Amino acid sequence: MKKTFLTTAVLASTLALTSIAEAAELKISHIRPQGATIDVELKELSADIEKATGGDLSLKIFAASALGDYTTVQERISVGAIDMAVQPAATAASRKMQISAFPYIAANWEQAQSIYGPGGAINQAMKELYAKQDIEMLAAYPVYFGGVALNRDAVSPGNPSVDKGIKVRVPGIKSFQLTADALGYISSPIPFSEAFTAVQTGVVDGVIGSGAEGYYASFRDVTKTYIPVNTHFEVWYMIINNESMSDLDSDDQVALRKAAADFEIRRWAKAESDQAANEKKLEAYGATIVKLSDDQLAAAAKKARAEVWPQILEDVGAEWGQGILDQIAN
């Protein structure tokens, strides 16, 4: 009787250890501080995945670029050193990824979803570009239409043809540099890690390359004026290393892909209202929000498309890029 009890106990212990050994935890990176919207939503996603897999799979979330800036993280995902991320596309890995940040490619949220959402031309193009880096794109994560944050009053904010004499920090991405110039600003490429100090010390007068969410998260203390001029549509991507995915058992792969698809659906449903809420947060913090008319937005779009698109098309490959733009136009 005692021997039978011990055998049963050993068997139960072995099964428990086997269950623990089979549980997987994927490292996932994002670029915002803890408590930001993306951080909260990824915690919800992890809970959904754990529930769907009976605890077999979970996410370990690294906020605020703790694993490196998004370019480094994408490179590390490509080689399998990091499992996952939700972040902007790193154009250093492929110039063609600039297609995701083309200025004024969408005029409103409905258009944006048709272009960047499931089945959209840019969505499909980005999946193919990531695949070449041994990365699977699981979902698009829409964030906002971009704008201009200034640590001073605006100058002719609704007229892109006026040289404003205002120097602004832009990311080291050609499309943002050219867009700033087209809108009448003086672009100054500065790494994100140095951008806040550059504005604070007067090296530049503001920032282009983000939107209300990003400016509130990282620049609210140096933002006196915010102009939602819709410079670009900001979308991040949920990506995973191919081997990290294939190492999961088939049921967990299905659960992860389903959870990611649901995550994207929820995000599209609330992204527009989140943008409005973040503009209100900036305003409550003391920034002046300069609303532009439809005609002023159209004038900015027309100038940027005429001056910026041809140059970026040459950079990404004119035939390839124009083929995607033609899909959008149709």
Protein backbone atom coordinates (compact mmCIF):
# COMPACT_ATOMS: atom_id res chain seq x y z
CA MET A 1 0.00 0.00 0.00
CA LYS A 2 2.85 2.35 0.95
CA LYS A 3 4.72 1.47 -2.24
CA THR A 4 1.63 2.20 -4.34
CA PHE A 5 1.22 5.59 -2.65
CA LEU A 6 4.84 6.51 -3.33
CA THR A 7 4.57 5.44 -6.95
CA THR A 8 1.47 7.57 -7.41
CA ALA A 9 3.15 10.54 -5.75
CA VAL A 10 6.23 10.23 -7.96
CA LEU A 11 4.07 9.98 -11.06
CA ALA A 12 2.08 13.07 -10.09
CA SER A 13 5.27 14.99 -9.40
CA THR A 14 6.74 13.95 -12.74
CA LEU A 15 3.62 15.05 -14.60
CA ALA A 16 3.69 18.41 -12.82
CA LEU A 17 7.33 18.95 -13.74
CA THR A 18 6.60 17.98 -17.33
CA SER A 19 3.76 20.53 -17.46
CA ILE A 20 6.05 23.23 -16.10
CA ALA A 21 8.79 22.34 -18.57
CA GLU A 22 6.41 22.62 -21.48
CA ALA A 23 5.14 26.09 -20.54
CA ALA A 24 6.64 28.79 -22.76
CA GLU A 25 7.28 32.45 -22.00
CA LEU A 26 7.99 34.79 -24.91
CA LYS A 27 9.90 38.03 -24.42
CA ILE A 28 8.05 40.96 -26.01
CA SER A 29 9.37 44.53 -26.29
CA HIS A 30 7.64 47.86 -26.78
CA ILE A 31 8.79 51.48 -26.84
CA ARG A 32 6.51 53.22 -24.33
CA PRO A 33 6.79 53.54 -20.53
CA GLN A 34 5.09 51.14 -18.15
CA GLY A 35 1.43 52.06 -17.76
CA ALA A 36 1.12 53.49 -21.28
CA THR A 37 -1.75 52.25 -23.45
CA ILE A 38 0.36 49.69 -25.31
CA ASP A 39 1.76 48.37 -22.04
CA VAL A 40 -1.71 47.89 -20.57
CA GLU A 41 -3.00 46.26 -23.76
CA LEU A 42 -0.08 43.84 -23.93
CA LYS A 43 -0.76 42.76 -20.36
CA GLU A 44 -4.36 42.08 -21.40
CA LEU A 45 -3.09 40.15 -24.42
CA SER A 46 -0.82 38.03 -22.25
CA ALA A 47 -3.74 37.18 -19.97
CA ASP A 48 -5.83 36.21 -23.01
CA ILE A 49 -3.05 33.98 -24.33
CA GLU A 50 -2.55 32.28 -20.97
CA LYS A 51 -6.28 31.59 -20.74
CA ALA A 52 -6.51 30.30 -24.31
CA THR A 53 -3.52 27.96 -23.85
CA GLY A 54 -4.37 26.78 -20.35
CA GLY A 55 -1.22 28.42 -19.02
CA ASP A 56 1.07 26.85 -21.64
CA LEU A 57 2.08 30.22 -23.08
CA SER A 58 2.59 33.70 -21.65
CA LEU A 59 4.36 36.95 -22.50
CA LYS A 60 7.11 38.67 -20.53
CA ILE A 61 6.76 42.36 -21.31
CA PHE A 62 9.74 44.71 -21.55
CA ALA A 63 8.60 48.35 -21.63
CA ALA A 64 10.40 51.56 -22.56
CA SER A 65 12.84 49.97 -25.02
CA ALA A 66 14.48 48.05 -22.16
CA LEU A 67 15.85 45.53 -24.68
CA GLY A 68 17.21 48.23 -27.00
CA ASP A 69 15.81 50.81 -29.41
CA TYR A 70 13.33 49.52 -31.96
CA THR A 71 15.93 49.18 -34.71
CA THR A 72 18.13 47.02 -32.50
CA VAL A 73 15.13 45.01 -31.30
CA GLN A 74 14.02 44.25 -34.87
CA GLU A 75 17.51 43.05 -35.71
CA ARG A 76 17.56 40.85 -32.59
CA ILE A 77 14.14 39.41 -33.40
CA SER A 78 15.40 38.59 -36.88
CA VAL A 79 18.17 36.40 -35.40
CA GLY A 80 16.04 35.01 -32.58
CA ALA A 81 17.68 36.82 -29.65
CA ILE A 82 14.32 38.41 -28.76
CA ASP A 83 11.01 36.70 -29.44
CA MET A 84 8.50 39.48 -30.11
CA ALA A 85 7.80 43.21 -30.22
CA VAL A 86 5.11 45.77 -30.93
CA GLN A 87 6.89 48.78 -32.44
CA PRO A 88 7.46 50.87 -35.57
CA ALA A 89 9.13 49.26 -38.55
CA ALA A 90 12.90 49.78 -38.58
CA THR A 91 13.75 51.21 -41.99
CA ALA A 92 17.47 50.63 -41.39
CA ALA A 93 16.78 46.93 -41.96
CA SER A 94 15.04 47.61 -45.26
CA ARG A 95 14.52 50.95 -46.99
CA LYS A 96 11.32 49.57 -48.44
CA MET A 97 9.80 49.68 -44.97
CA GLN A 98 9.52 53.45 -45.44
CA ILE A 99 6.32 52.62 -47.32
CA SER A 100 4.67 52.33 -43.90
CA ALA A 101 5.49 55.96 -43.05
CA PHE A 102 4.70 57.63 -46.39
CA PRO A 103 3.28 61.11 -45.62
CA TYR A 104 -0.39 61.75 -46.28
CA ILE A 105 -1.12 58.29 -47.63
CA ALA A 106 -4.45 58.20 -45.77
CA ALA A 107 -6.79 61.12 -45.18
CA ASN A 108 -8.94 59.62 -42.43
CA TRP A 109 -9.32 56.59 -40.16
CA GLU A 110 -11.53 54.67 -42.57
CA GLN A 111 -8.93 54.96 -45.32
CA ALA A 112 -6.15 54.10 -42.89
CA GLN A 113 -7.82 50.85 -41.88
CA SER A 114 -8.37 49.84 -45.50
CA ILE A 115 -4.67 50.45 -46.24
CA TYR A 116 -2.93 49.30 -43.05
CA GLY A 117 -5.50 46.82 -41.72
CA PRO A 118 -6.00 43.17 -42.68
CA GLY A 119 -5.94 42.73 -46.46
CA GLY A 120 -4.68 46.28 -47.04
CA ALA A 121 -1.93 47.05 -49.53
CA ILE A 122 0.61 48.25 -46.99
CA ASN A 123 -0.35 45.54 -44.51
CA GLN A 124 0.44 42.89 -47.10
CA ALA A 125 3.63 44.62 -48.22
CA MET A 126 4.92 44.81 -44.66
CA LYS A 127 4.20 41.13 -44.05
CA GLU A 128 6.32 40.27 -47.07
CA LEU A 129 9.16 42.59 -46.01
CA TYR A 130 9.23 41.16 -42.48
CA ALA A 131 9.19 37.61 -43.87
CA LYS A 132 12.47 38.32 -45.66
CA GLN A 133 14.00 39.00 -42.23
CA ASP A 134 12.80 35.67 -40.76
CA ILE A 135 10.01 37.50 -38.94
CA GLU A 136 6.27 36.86 -38.95
CA MET A 137 4.00 39.91 -38.72
CA LEU A 138 1.09 38.97 -36.48
CA ALA A 139 -0.86 42.24 -36.38
CA ALA A 140 -0.87 45.92 -37.18
CA TYR A 141 -1.25 48.31 -34.25
CA PRO A 142 -2.69 51.69 -35.32
CA VAL A 143 -1.65 54.58 -33.09
CA TYR A 144 -2.42 58.04 -34.52
CA PHE A 145 -2.15 60.56 -37.31
CA GLY A 146 1.05 62.54 -36.76
CA GLY A 147 1.52 66.20 -36.00
CA VAL A 148 3.97 68.90 -34.97
CA ALA A 149 4.84 69.63 -31.33
CA LEU A 150 6.52 72.96 -30.61
CA ASN A 151 8.07 74.53 -27.54
CA ARG A 152 6.92 77.93 -28.82
CA ASP A 153 4.04 79.54 -30.69
CA ALA A 154 3.24 78.32 -34.19
CA VAL A 155 4.03 80.27 -37.35
CA SER A 156 1.47 80.05 -40.18
CA PRO A 157 0.60 76.48 -39.16
CA GLY A 158 -2.01 76.07 -41.88
CA ASN A 159 0.14 77.26 -44.78
CA PRO A 160 2.80 74.76 -45.88
CA SER A 161 4.28 77.23 -48.35
CA VAL A 162 5.49 79.61 -45.63
CA ASP A 163 9.10 79.17 -44.48
CA LYS A 164 8.56 79.12 -40.74
CA GLY A 165 12.14 79.49 -39.56
CA ILE A 166 11.47 76.80 -36.95
CA LYS A 167 13.95 73.97 -36.50
CA VAL A 168 12.38 70.63 -35.55
CA ARG A 169 13.80 67.28 -34.57
CA VAL A 170 12.92 64.47 -36.97
CA PRO A 171 13.79 60.75 -36.85
CA GLY A 172 16.68 59.63 -39.02
CA ILE A 173 14.21 58.50 -41.68
CA LYS A 174 14.19 60.24 -45.02
CA SER A 175 10.41 60.49 -45.33
CA PHE A 176 10.13 62.47 -42.07
CA GLN A 177 12.99 64.79 -42.98
CA LEU A 178 11.47 65.59 -46.36
CA THR A 179 7.97 66.02 -44.90
CA ALA A 180 9.21 68.55 -42.34
CA ASP A 181 10.94 70.51 -45.08
CA ALA A 182 7.85 70.37 -47.32
CA LEU A 183 5.70 71.83 -44.52
CA GLY A 184 8.05 74.80 -44.14
CA TYR A 185 10.12 73.64 -41.16
CA ILE A 186 13.87 73.10 -40.89
CA SER A 187 14.47 69.41 -40.25
CA SER A 188 17.21 68.28 -37.91
CA PRO A 189 17.73 64.50 -37.56
CA ILE A 190 18.37 63.70 -33.89
CA PRO A 191 18.20 60.31 -32.14
CA PHE A 192 15.11 59.82 -30.02
CA SER A 193 17.23 59.42 -26.87
CA GLU A 194 18.53 62.97 -27.34
CA ALA A 195 15.34 64.60 -28.63
CA PHE A 196 13.82 65.79 -25.34
CA THR A 197 17.05 67.47 -24.24
CA ALA A 198 17.43 69.05 -27.69
CA VAL A 199 14.02 70.72 -27.35
CA GLN A 200 14.54 71.59 -23.69
CA THR A 201 17.86 73.32 -24.37
CA GLY A 202 16.72 75.09 -27.55
CA VAL A 203 18.83 73.13 -30.01
CA VAL A 204 15.53 72.64 -31.82
CA ASP A 205 12.14 74.28 -31.31
CA GLY A 206 10.01 71.18 -31.57
CA VAL A 207 9.47 67.72 -32.93
CA ILE A 208 7.99 66.06 -36.03
CA GLY A 209 7.61 62.31 -36.32
CA SER A 210 5.10 61.48 -33.62
CA GLY A 211 1.52 62.34 -32.66
CA ALA A 212 -0.47 63.30 -29.59
CA GLU A 213 0.09 59.94 -27.86
CA GLY A 214 3.85 60.07 -28.35
CA TYR A 215 4.18 63.73 -27.49
CA TYR A 216 2.17 63.32 -24.31
CA ALA A 217 4.18 60.25 -23.30
CA SER A 218 7.62 61.72 -23.98
CA PHE A 219 7.49 65.46 -24.69
CA ARG A 220 4.61 66.97 -22.71
CA ASP A 221 6.95 69.06 -20.52
CA VAL A 222 8.40 70.81 -23.59
CA THR A 223 5.26 71.08 -25.73
CA LYS A 224 3.67 74.52 -25.80
CA THR A 225 1.82 74.09 -29.11
CA TYR A 226 0.52 71.00 -30.88
CA ILE A 227 -0.58 71.08 -34.53
CA PRO A 228 -2.41 67.91 -35.70
CA VAL A 229 -1.45 68.36 -39.34
CA ASN A 230 -1.71 64.61 -40.08
CA THR A 231 1.89 64.29 -41.29
CA HIS A 232 1.69 60.50 -41.52
CA PHE A 233 -0.28 57.57 -40.18
CA GLU A 234 1.59 55.93 -37.33
CA VAL A 235 1.21 52.19 -37.17
CA TRP A 236 3.29 49.74 -35.20
CA TYR A 237 3.55 46.05 -35.91
CA MET A 238 3.37 42.99 -33.70
CA ILE A 239 6.19 40.78 -34.88
CA ILE A 240 7.67 37.43 -33.83
CA ASN A 241 10.76 35.51 -34.78
CA ASN A 242 9.85 32.59 -37.06
CA GLU A 243 11.74 30.06 -34.95
CA SER A 244 10.13 31.34 -31.74
CA MET A 245 6.78 30.67 -33.37
CA SER A 246 7.70 27.26 -34.78
CA ASP A 247 9.05 26.13 -31.40
CA LEU A 248 5.51 26.39 -29.99
CA ASP A 249 3.21 23.41 -30.35
CA SER A 250 0.55 23.71 -33.04
CA ASP A 251 -2.30 24.50 -30.64
CA ASP A 252 -0.34 27.31 -29.01
CA GLN A 253 0.55 28.74 -32.44
CA VAL A 254 -3.12 28.83 -33.36
CA ALA A 255 -3.99 30.47 -30.03
CA LEU A 256 -1.27 33.11 -30.38
CA ARG A 257 -2.27 34.06 -33.92
CA LYS A 258 -5.94 34.22 -32.91
CA ALA A 259 -5.15 36.39 -29.87
CA ALA A 260 -3.04 38.71 -32.05
CA ALA A 261 -5.85 39.06 -34.61
CA ASP A 262 -8.35 39.89 -31.85
CA PHE A 263 -5.83 42.34 -30.37
CA GLU A 264 -5.69 44.17 -33.71
CA ILE A 265 -9.48 44.26 -34.07
CA ARG A 266 -9.83 45.83 -30.62
CA ARG A 267 -7.13 48.36 -31.42
CA TRP A 268 -8.77 49.58 -34.62
CA ALA A 269 -12.02 50.02 -32.69
CA LYS A 270 -10.50 52.41 -30.15
CA ALA A 271 -7.48 54.06 -31.83
CA GLU A 272 -9.34 57.11 -33.12
CA SER A 273 -10.90 57.89 -29.75
CA ASP A 274 -7.51 57.37 -28.10
CA GLN A 275 -6.01 59.98 -30.41
CA ALA A 276 -8.66 62.52 -29.39
CA ALA A 277 -8.15 61.65 -25.73
CA ASN A 278 -4.40 62.21 -26.00
CA GLU A 279 -4.91 65.59 -27.65
CA LYS A 280 -7.11 66.53 -24.67
CA LYS A 281 -4.40 65.32 -22.29
CA LEU A 282 -1.86 67.59 -24.01
CA GLU A 283 -4.29 70.49 -23.79
CA ALA A 284 -4.99 69.82 -20.11
CA TYR A 285 -1.24 69.79 -19.51
CA GLY A 286 -1.00 73.30 -20.94
CA ALA A 287 -0.44 72.91 -24.67
CA THR A 288 -2.39 74.94 -27.22
CA ILE A 289 -3.99 72.68 -29.83
CA VAL A 290 -4.05 74.38 -33.24
CA LYS A 291 -6.84 72.77 -35.26
CA LEU A 292 -6.54 73.04 -39.04
CA SER A 293 -9.39 73.20 -41.53
CA ASP A 294 -10.00 70.52 -44.13
CA ASP A 295 -8.68 72.91 -46.81
CA GLN A 296 -5.49 73.51 -44.84
CA LEU A 297 -4.95 69.79 -44.34
CA ALA A 298 -5.56 69.20 -48.05
CA ALA A 299 -2.98 71.87 -48.94
CA ALA A 300 -0.38 70.22 -46.69
CA ALA A 301 -1.14 66.82 -48.20
CA LYS A 302 -0.90 68.11 -51.76
CA LYS A 303 2.48 69.76 -51.19
CA ALA A 304 3.96 66.78 -49.36
CA ARG A 305 2.78 64.30 -51.98
CA ALA A 306 4.20 66.42 -54.79
CA GLU A 307 7.57 67.03 -53.15
CA VAL A 308 8.16 64.01 -50.95
CA TRP A 309 6.60 61.02 -52.69
CA PRO A 310 8.83 61.06 -55.80
CA GLN A 311 11.99 61.13 -53.68
CA ILE A 312 10.87 58.35 -51.34
CA LEU A 313 9.74 56.24 -54.29
CA GLU A 314 13.28 56.42 -55.66
CA ASP A 315 14.57 55.38 -52.25
CA VAL A 316 12.31 52.34 -51.88
CA GLY A 317 12.34 51.35 -55.53
CA ALA A 318 10.08 53.31 -57.84
CA GLU A 319 8.41 50.36 -59.55
CA TRP A 320 7.79 48.45 -56.31
CA GLY A 321 6.55 51.49 -54.40
CA GLN A 322 4.35 52.80 -57.19
CA GLY A 323 2.75 49.37 -57.47
CA ILE A 324 1.61 49.64 -53.85
CA LEU A 325 0.39 53.22 -54.28
CA ASP A 326 -1.58 52.11 -57.34
CA GLN A 327 -3.29 49.41 -55.25
CA ILE A 328 -4.29 52.05 -52.73
CA ALA A 329 -5.59 54.40 -55.41
CA ASN A 330 -7.77 51.62 -56.79
